[in-house]
C-alpha atoms as a PDB file:
ATOM      1  CA  MET A   1       0.000   0.000   0.000  1.00  0.00           C
ATOM      2  CA  PRO A   2       1.304   3.527  -0.778  1.00  0.00           C
ATOM      3  CA  PRO A   3       2.533   5.507   2.241  1.00  0.00           C
ATOM      4  CA  ALA A   4      -0.090   8.252   1.770  1.00  0.00           C
ATOM      5  CA  THR A   5      -2.925   5.740   2.224  1.00  0.00           C
ATOM      6  CA  VAL A   6      -1.429   4.473   5.460  1.00  0.00           C
ATOM      7  CA  ARG A   7      -1.149   8.015   6.794  1.00  0.00           C
ATOM      8  CA  ASN A   8      -4.766   8.764   5.883  1.00  0.00           C
ATOM      9  CA  ARG A   9      -5.963   5.649   7.734  1.00  0.00           C
ATOM     10  CA  ARG A  10      -4.119   6.726  10.841  1.00  0.00           C
ATOM     11  CA  ARG A  11      -5.787  10.146  10.732  1.00  0.00           C
ATOM     12  CA  ARG A  12      -9.319   8.815  10.376  1.00  0.00           C
ATOM     13  CA  GLY A  13      -9.408   7.405  13.857  1.00  0.00           C
ATOM     14  CA  ALA A  14      -7.762  10.368  15.505  1.00  0.00           C
ATOM     15  CA  VAL A  15      -9.914  12.981  17.195  1.00  0.00           C
ATOM     16  CA  PRO A  16      -8.812  16.521  16.366  1.00  0.00           C
ATOM     17  CA  ALA A  17      -7.774  18.688  19.281  1.00  0.00           C
ATOM     18  CA  ALA A  18     -10.347  21.285  20.305  1.00  0.00           C
ATOM     19  CA  ARG A  19      -9.404  24.807  19.365  1.00  0.00           C
ATOM     20  CA  PRO A  20      -9.627  27.388  22.165  1.00  0.00           C
ATOM     21  CA  PRO A  21     -12.294  30.079  21.780  1.00  0.00           C
ATOM     22  CA  ALA A  22     -11.342  33.339  20.069  1.00  0.00           C
ATOM     23  CA  SER A  23     -11.369  35.252  23.353  1.00  0.00           C
ATOM     24  CA  ALA A  24      -8.746  32.880  24.818  1.00  0.00           C
ATOM     25  CA  ARG A  25      -6.541  33.268  21.733  1.00  0.00           C
ATOM     26  CA  ALA A  26      -6.780  37.039  22.035  1.00  0.00           C
ATOM     27  CA  ARG A  27      -5.717  36.888  25.698  1.00  0.00           C
ATOM     28  CA  LYS A  28      -2.620  34.915  24.763  1.00  0.00           C
ATOM     29  CA  ARG A  29      -1.512  37.539  22.263  1.00  0.00           C
ATOM     30  CA  GLY A  30      -1.958  40.365  24.737  1.00  0.00           C
ATOM     31  CA  PRO A  31      -3.505  43.795  24.265  1.00  0.00           C
ATOM     32  CA  ARG A  32      -3.413  45.624  20.951  1.00  0.00           C
ATOM     33  CA  ARG A  33      -0.899  48.347  20.551  1.00  0.00           C
ATOM     34  CA  GLY A  34      -2.033  51.861  19.667  1.00  0.00           C
ATOM     35  CA  ARG A  35      -5.465  53.179  20.519  1.00  0.00           C
ATOM     36  CA  PRO A  36      -7.618  51.402  23.076  1.00  0.00           C
ATOM     37  CA  ALA A  37     -10.188  49.100  21.440  1.00  0.00           C
ATOM     38  CA  GLY A  38     -13.116  51.050  22.908  1.00  0.00           C
ATOM     39  CA  VAL A  39     -12.083  54.358  21.348  1.00  0.00           C
ATOM     40  CA  ARG A  40     -11.668  52.828  17.917  1.00  0.00           C
ATOM     41  CA  SER A  41     -14.999  50.999  17.941  1.00  0.00           C
ATOM     42  CA  ASP A  42     -16.827  54.056  19.333  1.00  0.00           C
ATOM     43  CA  HIS A  43     -15.449  56.212  16.524  1.00  0.00           C
ATOM     44  CA  LEU A  44     -16.407  53.606  13.936  1.00  0.00           C
ATOM     45  CA  ARG A  45     -19.887  53.195  15.409  1.00  0.00           C
ATOM     46  CA  LEU A  46     -20.476  56.973  15.298  1.00  0.00           C
ATOM     47  CA  ALA A  47     -19.223  57.232  11.710  1.00  0.00           C
ATOM     48  CA  LEU A  48     -21.529  54.442  10.540  1.00  0.00           C
ATOM     49  CA  ALA A  49     -24.469  55.883  12.468  1.00  0.00           C
ATOM     50  CA  ASP A  50     -24.364  59.064  10.363  1.00  0.00           C
ATOM     51  CA  HIS A  51     -26.889  57.741   7.845  1.00  0.00           C
ATOM     52  CA  ALA A  52     -26.990  60.960   5.820  1.00  0.00           C
ATOM     53  CA  HIS A  53     -23.235  60.859   5.222  1.00  0.00           C
ATOM     54  CA  VAL A  54     -23.285  57.161   4.308  1.00  0.00           C
ATOM     55  CA  GLU A  55     -26.216  57.731   1.924  1.00  0.00           C
ATOM     56  CA  ARG A  56     -24.413  60.663   0.240  1.00  0.00           C
ATOM     57  CA  LEU A  57     -21.311  58.529  -0.194  1.00  0.00           C
ATOM     58  CA  ALA A  58     -23.353  55.698  -1.733  1.00  0.00           C
ATOM     59  CA  ARG A  59     -25.007  58.090  -4.220  1.00  0.00           C
ATOM     60  CA  ARG A  60     -21.605  59.456  -5.266  1.00  0.00           C
ATOM     61  CA  PHE A  61     -20.164  56.014  -5.893  1.00  0.00           C
ATOM     62  CA  LYS A  62     -23.304  54.985  -7.747  1.00  0.00           C
ATOM     63  CA  ALA A  63     -22.972  58.048  -9.988  1.00  0.00           C
ATOM     64  CA  LEU A  64     -19.330  57.239 -10.700  1.00  0.00           C
ATOM     65  CA  GLY A  65     -20.305  53.683 -11.622  1.00  0.00           C
ATOM     66  CA  ASP A  66     -21.624  54.978 -14.934  1.00  0.00           C
ATOM     67  CA  PRO A  67     -18.814  54.945 -17.557  1.00  0.00           C
ATOM     68  CA  THR A  68     -19.927  58.218 -19.170  1.00  0.00           C
ATOM     69  CA  ARG A  69     -19.909  60.077 -15.865  1.00  0.00           C
ATOM     70  CA  SER A  70     -16.537  58.573 -14.946  1.00  0.00           C
ATOM     71  CA  LYS A  71     -15.136  59.825 -18.255  1.00  0.00           C
ATOM     72  CA  LEU A  72     -16.565  63.281 -17.563  1.00  0.00           C
ATOM     73  CA  VAL A  73     -14.952  63.342 -14.122  1.00  0.00           C
ATOM     74  CA  TYR A  74     -11.614  62.273 -15.537  1.00  0.00           C
ATOM     75  CA  ALA A  75     -11.803  64.870 -18.328  1.00  0.00           C
ATOM     76  CA  LEU A  76     -12.595  67.580 -15.784  1.00  0.00           C
ATOM     77  CA  SER A  77      -9.669  66.471 -13.633  1.00  0.00           C
ATOM     78  CA  LEU A  78      -7.456  67.575 -16.515  1.00  0.00           C
ATOM     79  CA  GLY A  79      -8.937  71.073 -16.538  1.00  0.00           C
ATOM     80  CA  GLU A  80     -12.015  73.284 -16.674  1.00  0.00           C
ATOM     81  CA  LEU A  81     -14.188  72.668 -19.753  1.00  0.00           C
ATOM     82  CA  CYS A  82     -17.480  73.791 -21.276  1.00  0.00           C
ATOM     83  CA  VAL A  83     -20.317  71.441 -22.249  1.00  0.00           C
ATOM     84  CA  SER A  84     -19.567  71.580 -25.969  1.00  0.00           C
ATOM     85  CA  ASP A  85     -15.908  70.598 -25.458  1.00  0.00           C
ATOM     86  CA  LEU A  86     -16.950  67.726 -23.206  1.00  0.00           C
ATOM     87  CA  ALA A  87     -19.602  66.550 -25.690  1.00  0.00           C
ATOM     88  CA  VAL A  88     -17.075  66.489 -28.537  1.00  0.00           C
ATOM     89  CA  ALA A  89     -14.535  64.617 -26.383  1.00  0.00           C
ATOM     90  CA  LEU A  90     -17.137  62.025 -25.360  1.00  0.00           C
ATOM     91  CA  GLY A  91     -18.713  61.741 -28.795  1.00  0.00           C
ATOM     92  CA  ALA A  92     -22.115  62.452 -27.225  1.00  0.00           C
ATOM     93  CA  SER A  93     -24.833  65.028 -27.841  1.00  0.00           C
ATOM     94  CA  LEU A  94     -24.955  68.327 -25.954  1.00  0.00           C
ATOM     95  CA  SER A  95     -28.210  67.234 -24.334  1.00  0.00           C
ATOM     96  CA  ALA A  96     -26.831  63.914 -23.077  1.00  0.00           C
ATOM     97  CA  THR A  97     -23.655  65.573 -21.794  1.00  0.00           C
ATOM     98  CA  SER A  98     -25.636  68.291 -20.012  1.00  0.00           C
ATOM     99  CA  HIS A  99     -27.836  65.662 -18.403  1.00  0.00           C
ATOM    100  CA  GLN A 100     -24.827  63.753 -17.049  1.00  0.00           C
ATOM    101  CA  LEU A 101     -23.219  66.966 -15.818  1.00  0.00           C
ATOM    102  CA  ARG A 102     -26.421  67.915 -13.997  1.00  0.00           C
ATOM    103  CA  ILE A 103     -26.321  64.600 -12.120  1.00  0.00           C
ATOM    104  CA  LEU A 104     -22.700  65.211 -11.140  1.00  0.00           C
ATOM    105  CA  ARG A 105     -23.476  68.816 -10.169  1.00  0.00           C
ATOM    106  CA  ASP A 106     -26.408  67.738  -7.971  1.00  0.00           C
ATOM    107  CA  LEU A 107     -24.049  65.419  -6.098  1.00  0.00           C
ATOM    108  CA  ASP A 108     -21.496  68.250  -5.740  1.00  0.00           C
ATOM    109  CA  ILE A 109     -18.905  66.295  -7.733  1.00  0.00           C
ATOM    110  CA  VAL A 110     -18.507  69.110 -10.259  1.00  0.00           C
ATOM    111  CA  ARG A 111     -18.876  72.865  -9.972  1.00  0.00           C
ATOM    112  CA  VAL A 112     -20.074  75.279 -12.607  1.00  0.00           C
ATOM    113  CA  ARG A 113     -19.256  78.942 -13.201  1.00  0.00           C
ATOM    114  CA  ARG A 114     -20.447  81.368 -15.805  1.00  0.00           C
ATOM    115  CA  ALA A 115     -18.016  82.988 -18.225  1.00  0.00           C
ATOM    116  CA  GLY A 116     -20.019  85.230 -20.538  1.00  0.00           C
ATOM    117  CA  ARG A 117     -22.584  83.047 -22.263  1.00  0.00           C
ATOM    118  CA  SER A 118     -20.730  79.828 -21.451  1.00  0.00           C
ATOM    119  CA  GLN A 119     -20.871  77.622 -18.419  1.00  0.00           C
ATOM    120  CA  LEU A 120     -17.520  76.174 -17.437  1.00  0.00           C
ATOM    121  CA  TYR A 121     -17.431  72.966 -15.423  1.00  0.00           C
ATOM    122  CA  ALA A 122     -14.651  72.063 -13.011  1.00  0.00           C
ATOM    123  CA  LEU A 123     -14.066  69.132 -10.723  1.00  0.00           C
ATOM    124  CA  ASN A 124     -14.798  69.557  -7.029  1.00  0.00           C
ATOM    125  CA  GLU A 125     -11.679  67.876  -5.629  1.00  0.00           C
ATOM    126  CA  GLU A 126     -12.975  68.075  -2.053  1.00  0.00           C
ATOM    127  CA  ALA A 127     -15.904  65.786  -2.906  1.00  0.00           C
ATOM    128  CA  PHE A 128     -13.477  62.905  -3.499  1.00  0.00           C
ATOM    129  CA  GLY A 129     -11.360  63.160  -0.383  1.00  0.00           C
ATOM    130  CA  PHE A 130      -8.432  60.744  -0.593  1.00  0.00           C
ATOM    131  CA  CYS A 131      -9.348  59.393  -4.048  1.00  0.00           C
ATOM    132  CA  SER A 132      -9.280  62.511  -6.168  1.00  0.00           C
ATOM    133  CA  PRO A 133      -8.776  61.793  -9.894  1.00  0.00           C
ATOM    134  CA  ARG A 134      -5.732  64.080  -9.911  1.00  0.00           C
ATOM    135  CA  SER A 135      -3.961  62.150  -7.169  1.00  0.00           C
ATOM    136  CA  CYS A 136      -5.432  58.622  -7.221  1.00  0.00           C
ATOM    137  CA  GLN A 137      -3.460  56.061  -9.207  1.00  0.00           C
ATOM    138  CA  ALA A 138      -6.615  54.016  -9.928  1.00  0.00           C
ATOM    139  CA  TRP A 139      -8.104  56.856 -12.002  1.00  0.00           C
ATOM    140  CA  LYS A 140      -4.862  57.406 -13.889  1.00  0.00           C
ATOM    141  CA  THR A 141      -4.359  53.759 -14.797  1.00  0.00           C
ATOM    142  CA  ALA A 142      -8.004  53.371 -15.818  1.00  0.00           C
ATOM    143  CA  PHE A 143      -7.935  56.168 -18.391  1.00  0.00           C
ATOM    144  CA  ASP A 144      -4.290  56.676 -19.384  1.00  0.00           C
ATOM    145  CA  PRO A 145      -3.619  54.687 -22.581  1.00  0.00           C
ATOM    146  CA  GLY A 146       0.137  54.650 -21.892  1.00  0.00           C
ATOM    147  CA  VAL A 147      -0.242  52.736 -18.617  1.00  0.00           C
ATOM    148  CA  GLU A 148      -0.629  48.969 -18.798  1.00  0.00           C
ATOM    149  CA  GLN A 149      -3.770  47.678 -17.139  1.00  0.00           C
ATOM    150  CA  PRO A 150      -3.572  44.687 -14.804  1.00  0.00           C
ATOM    151  CA  VAL A 151      -5.284  41.565 -16.091  1.00  0.00           C
END
């Protein structure tokens, strides 16, 4: 008989050792370094309890899930543009581009200012926090044709 079969037969009859509960394992390791556990969980609990903030964040990510709106955001991260320039760059109609910009403006992702008869759109960098298209590598690799995309 092959040696692996003999080993497997020996294991079948053996009873596995009981694993200690998670609380006992945590006691063995000792206390966490850094902030006390209570402070961290209280801060997290308060942040998640702010339903309005969480809802706003979900709407922003949902808006950015649309490829056309993501392209608009990336284009605006490169500079301030008017609707007609954005429509030409996207290959979309003025109406469709304006509609997408209105959605982004309502979510405070883009800002608009008047310059004569034109409306110029710019990206609201503060709306993105740590993942601004100008500083976030994920945005750059997604839209920059010179950067290889991971498979």
